Amino acid sequence: MLGIARRAGLIVLGTRAVRSALQKGKVHLLILAKDASENALARLGSEGRNVPLIRLSTREVLGKAVGRGEVVVAGIIDGDLATKLSLDNEAQIKHHGNSGAERDSKRQVT
């Protein structure tokens, strides 16, 4: 699903592109690889603090999901897709436990 969304222009990838979209108020959901550095979120700037966040597997798995190499961060810029991904993530957590995707414990995913 993420690969199709990327080709449709519903996702921005990488710190610079995500930060730019955050500054414009376009990001509805952040997806961050679990193996991202501690500074990955800080590099997105203060705007990233107010956006729901899902931590997903590794940067390699996230990259494959969007049809690229390693990806540390992705920003979902479509509200409907962000809602769908959030709901799917919550369902996965409830059904399977925490086996690959998780909601950031410091943030509310809506």
C-alpha atoms as a PDB file:
ATOM      1  CA  MET A   1       0.000   0.000   0.000  1.00  0.00           C
ATOM      2  CA  LEU A   2       2.805   2.449   0.818  1.00  0.00           C
ATOM      3  CA  GLY A   3       4.476   1.906  -2.553  1.00  0.00           C
ATOM      4  CA  ILE A   4       1.272   2.756  -4.414  1.00  0.00           C
ATOM      5  CA  ALA A   5       0.734   5.771  -2.154  1.00  0.00           C
ATOM      6  CA  ARG A   6       4.277   6.981  -2.893  1.00  0.00           C
ATOM      7  CA  ARG A   7       3.692   6.730  -6.624  1.00  0.00           C
ATOM      8  CA  ALA A   8       0.435   8.645  -6.182  1.00  0.00           C
ATOM      9  CA  GLY A   9       2.274  11.447  -4.364  1.00  0.00           C
ATOM     10  CA  LEU A  10       0.627  10.827  -0.995  1.00  0.00           C
ATOM     11  CA  ILE A  11       3.905  10.263   0.890  1.00  0.00           C
ATOM     12  CA  VAL A  12       7.097  12.262   1.246  1.00  0.00           C
ATOM     13  CA  LEU A  13      10.327  10.459   2.096  1.00  0.00           C
ATOM     14  CA  GLY A  14      13.474  11.484   3.912  1.00  0.00           C
ATOM     15  CA  THR A  15      14.254  14.062   6.538  1.00  0.00           C
ATOM     16  CA  ARG A  16      14.445  17.107   4.248  1.00  0.00           C
ATOM     17  CA  ALA A  17      11.231  16.398   2.338  1.00  0.00           C
ATOM     18  CA  VAL A  18       9.313  15.482   5.487  1.00  0.00           C
ATOM     19  CA  ARG A  19      10.569  18.554   7.347  1.00  0.00           C
ATOM     20  CA  SER A  20       9.534  20.807   4.449  1.00  0.00           C
ATOM     21  CA  ALA A  21       6.070  19.227   4.337  1.00  0.00           C
ATOM     22  CA  LEU A  22       5.770  19.576   8.133  1.00  0.00           C
ATOM     23  CA  GLN A  23       6.620  23.282   7.920  1.00  0.00           C
ATOM     24  CA  LYS A  24       3.814  23.684   5.384  1.00  0.00           C
ATOM     25  CA  GLY A  25       1.370  21.826   7.646  1.00  0.00           C
ATOM     26  CA  LYS A  26       0.871  19.026   5.119  1.00  0.00           C
ATOM     27  CA  VAL A  27       1.892  15.955   7.159  1.00  0.00           C
ATOM     28  CA  HIS A  28      -0.929  14.023   8.857  1.00  0.00           C
ATOM     29  CA  LEU A  29       1.134  11.051  10.060  1.00  0.00           C
ATOM     30  CA  LEU A  30       4.822  10.290  10.508  1.00  0.00           C
ATOM     31  CA  ILE A  31       6.273   6.819  10.036  1.00  0.00           C
ATOM     32  CA  LEU A  32       9.674   6.321  11.608  1.00  0.00           C
ATOM     33  CA  ALA A  33      11.859   3.224  11.382  1.00  0.00           C
ATOM     34  CA  LYS A  34      12.416   1.665  14.810  1.00  0.00           C
ATOM     35  CA  ASP A  35      16.151   1.579  14.142  1.00  0.00           C
ATOM     36  CA  ALA A  36      16.316   5.322  13.435  1.00  0.00           C
ATOM     37  CA  SER A  37      18.806   7.340  15.456  1.00  0.00           C
ATOM     38  CA  GLU A  38      17.751   9.172  18.601  1.00  0.00           C
ATOM     39  CA  ASN A  39      18.084  12.468  16.701  1.00  0.00           C
ATOM     40  CA  ALA A  40      15.851  11.466  13.776  1.00  0.00           C
ATOM     41  CA  LEU A  41      12.760  13.140  15.228  1.00  0.00           C
ATOM     42  CA  ALA A  42      14.689  16.180  16.428  1.00  0.00           C
ATOM     43  CA  ARG A  43      15.937  16.779  12.875  1.00  0.00           C
ATOM     44  CA  LEU A  44      12.333  17.186  11.731  1.00  0.00           C
ATOM     45  CA  GLY A  45      11.942  20.326  13.813  1.00  0.00           C
ATOM     46  CA  SER A  46       9.311  21.388  16.300  1.00  0.00           C
ATOM     47  CA  GLU A  47       6.462  20.884  13.830  1.00  0.00           C
ATOM     48  CA  GLY A  48       6.977  17.115  14.042  1.00  0.00           C
ATOM     49  CA  ARG A  49       6.023  17.065  17.722  1.00  0.00           C
ATOM     50  CA  ASN A  50       2.355  17.690  16.955  1.00  0.00           C
ATOM     51  CA  VAL A  51       1.940  14.950  14.353  1.00  0.00           C
ATOM     52  CA  PRO A  52       0.941  11.369  15.195  1.00  0.00           C
ATOM     53  CA  LEU A  53       3.786   8.885  14.869  1.00  0.00           C
ATOM     54  CA  ILE A  54       4.023   5.188  14.052  1.00  0.00           C
ATOM     55  CA  ARG A  55       7.303   3.336  14.520  1.00  0.00           C
ATOM     56  CA  LEU A  56       7.665   0.617  11.923  1.00  0.00           C
ATOM     57  CA  SER A  57      10.182  -2.221  11.749  1.00  0.00           C
ATOM     58  CA  THR A  58      13.534  -1.200  10.251  1.00  0.00           C
ATOM     59  CA  ARG A  59      14.698   1.384   7.740  1.00  0.00           C
ATOM     60  CA  GLU A  60      15.279  -1.464   5.275  1.00  0.00           C
ATOM     61  CA  VAL A  61      11.703  -2.758   5.624  1.00  0.00           C
ATOM     62  CA  LEU A  62      10.260   0.762   5.405  1.00  0.00           C
ATOM     63  CA  GLY A  63      12.331   1.390   2.280  1.00  0.00           C
ATOM     64  CA  LYS A  64      11.117  -1.808   0.637  1.00  0.00           C
ATOM     65  CA  ALA A  65       7.523  -0.903   1.501  1.00  0.00           C
ATOM     66  CA  VAL A  66       7.824   2.344  -0.465  1.00  0.00           C
ATOM     67  CA  GLY A  67       9.921   0.903  -3.278  1.00  0.00           C
ATOM     68  CA  ARG A  68      13.214   2.525  -2.305  1.00  0.00           C
ATOM     69  CA  GLY A  69      16.435   1.732  -0.467  1.00  0.00           C
ATOM     70  CA  GLU A  70      16.637   2.371   3.246  1.00  0.00           C
ATOM     71  CA  VAL A  71      14.140   4.972   4.489  1.00  0.00           C
ATOM     72  CA  VAL A  72      14.263   6.351   8.031  1.00  0.00           C
ATOM     73  CA  VAL A  73      11.210   8.616   7.946  1.00  0.00           C
ATOM     74  CA  ALA A  74       8.116   9.023   5.808  1.00  0.00           C
ATOM     75  CA  GLY A  75       5.408  11.644   6.034  1.00  0.00           C
ATOM     76  CA  ILE A  76       1.860  10.812   5.005  1.00  0.00           C
ATOM     77  CA  ILE A  77       0.362  13.922   3.422  1.00  0.00           C
ATOM     78  CA  ASP A  78      -3.081  12.512   2.655  1.00  0.00           C
ATOM     79  CA  GLY A  79      -5.523  12.649   5.571  1.00  0.00           C
ATOM     80  CA  ASP A  80      -7.565   9.617   4.510  1.00  0.00           C
ATOM     81  CA  LEU A  81      -4.464   7.470   4.082  1.00  0.00           C
ATOM     82  CA  ALA A  82      -3.119   8.626   7.447  1.00  0.00           C
ATOM     83  CA  THR A  83      -6.374   7.609   9.122  1.00  0.00           C
ATOM     84  CA  LYS A  84      -6.368   4.214   7.395  1.00  0.00           C
ATOM     85  CA  LEU A  85      -2.759   3.507   8.377  1.00  0.00           C
ATOM     86  CA  SER A  86      -3.391   4.573  11.970  1.00  0.00           C
ATOM     87  CA  LEU A  87      -6.437   2.325  12.260  1.00  0.00           C
ATOM     88  CA  ASP A  88      -4.610  -0.595  10.648  1.00  0.00           C
ATOM     89  CA  ASN A  89      -1.689  -0.085  13.027  1.00  0.00           C
ATOM     90  CA  GLU A  90      -3.971  -0.055  16.074  1.00  0.00           C
ATOM     91  CA  ALA A  91      -5.697  -3.228  14.876  1.00  0.00           C
ATOM     92  CA  GLN A  92      -2.345  -4.961  14.367  1.00  0.00           C
ATOM     93  CA  ILE A  93      -1.185  -4.010  17.847  1.00  0.00           C
ATOM     94  CA  LYS A  94      -4.413  -5.309  19.401  1.00  0.00           C
ATOM     95  CA  HIS A  95      -4.427  -8.530  17.389  1.00  0.00           C
ATOM     96  CA  HIS A  96      -0.746  -9.500  17.252  1.00  0.00           C
ATOM     97  CA  GLY A  97       0.826  -7.552  20.037  1.00  0.00           C
ATOM     98  CA  ASN A  98       3.798  -5.385  19.192  1.00  0.00           C
ATOM     99  CA  SER A  99       5.323  -7.380  16.328  1.00  0.00           C
ATOM    100  CA  GLY A 100       6.565  -4.861  13.820  1.00  0.00           C
ATOM    101  CA  ALA A 101       4.633  -1.648  14.217  1.00  0.00           C
ATOM    102  CA  GLU A 102       3.848   0.366  17.278  1.00  0.00           C
ATOM    103  CA  ARG A 103       2.381   3.652  18.294  1.00  0.00           C
ATOM    104  CA  ASP A 104       4.852   6.006  19.923  1.00  0.00           C
ATOM    105  CA  SER A 105       4.143   5.864  23.643  1.00  0.00           C
ATOM    106  CA  LYS A 106       4.500   9.627  23.966  1.00  0.00           C
ATOM    107  CA  ARG A 107       2.040  10.451  21.201  1.00  0.00           C
ATOM    108  CA  GLN A 108      -1.620   9.885  20.486  1.00  0.00           C
ATOM    109  CA  VAL A 109      -2.379   8.441  17.057  1.00  0.00           C
ATOM    110  CA  THR A 110      -5.726   9.656  15.777  1.00  0.00           C
END
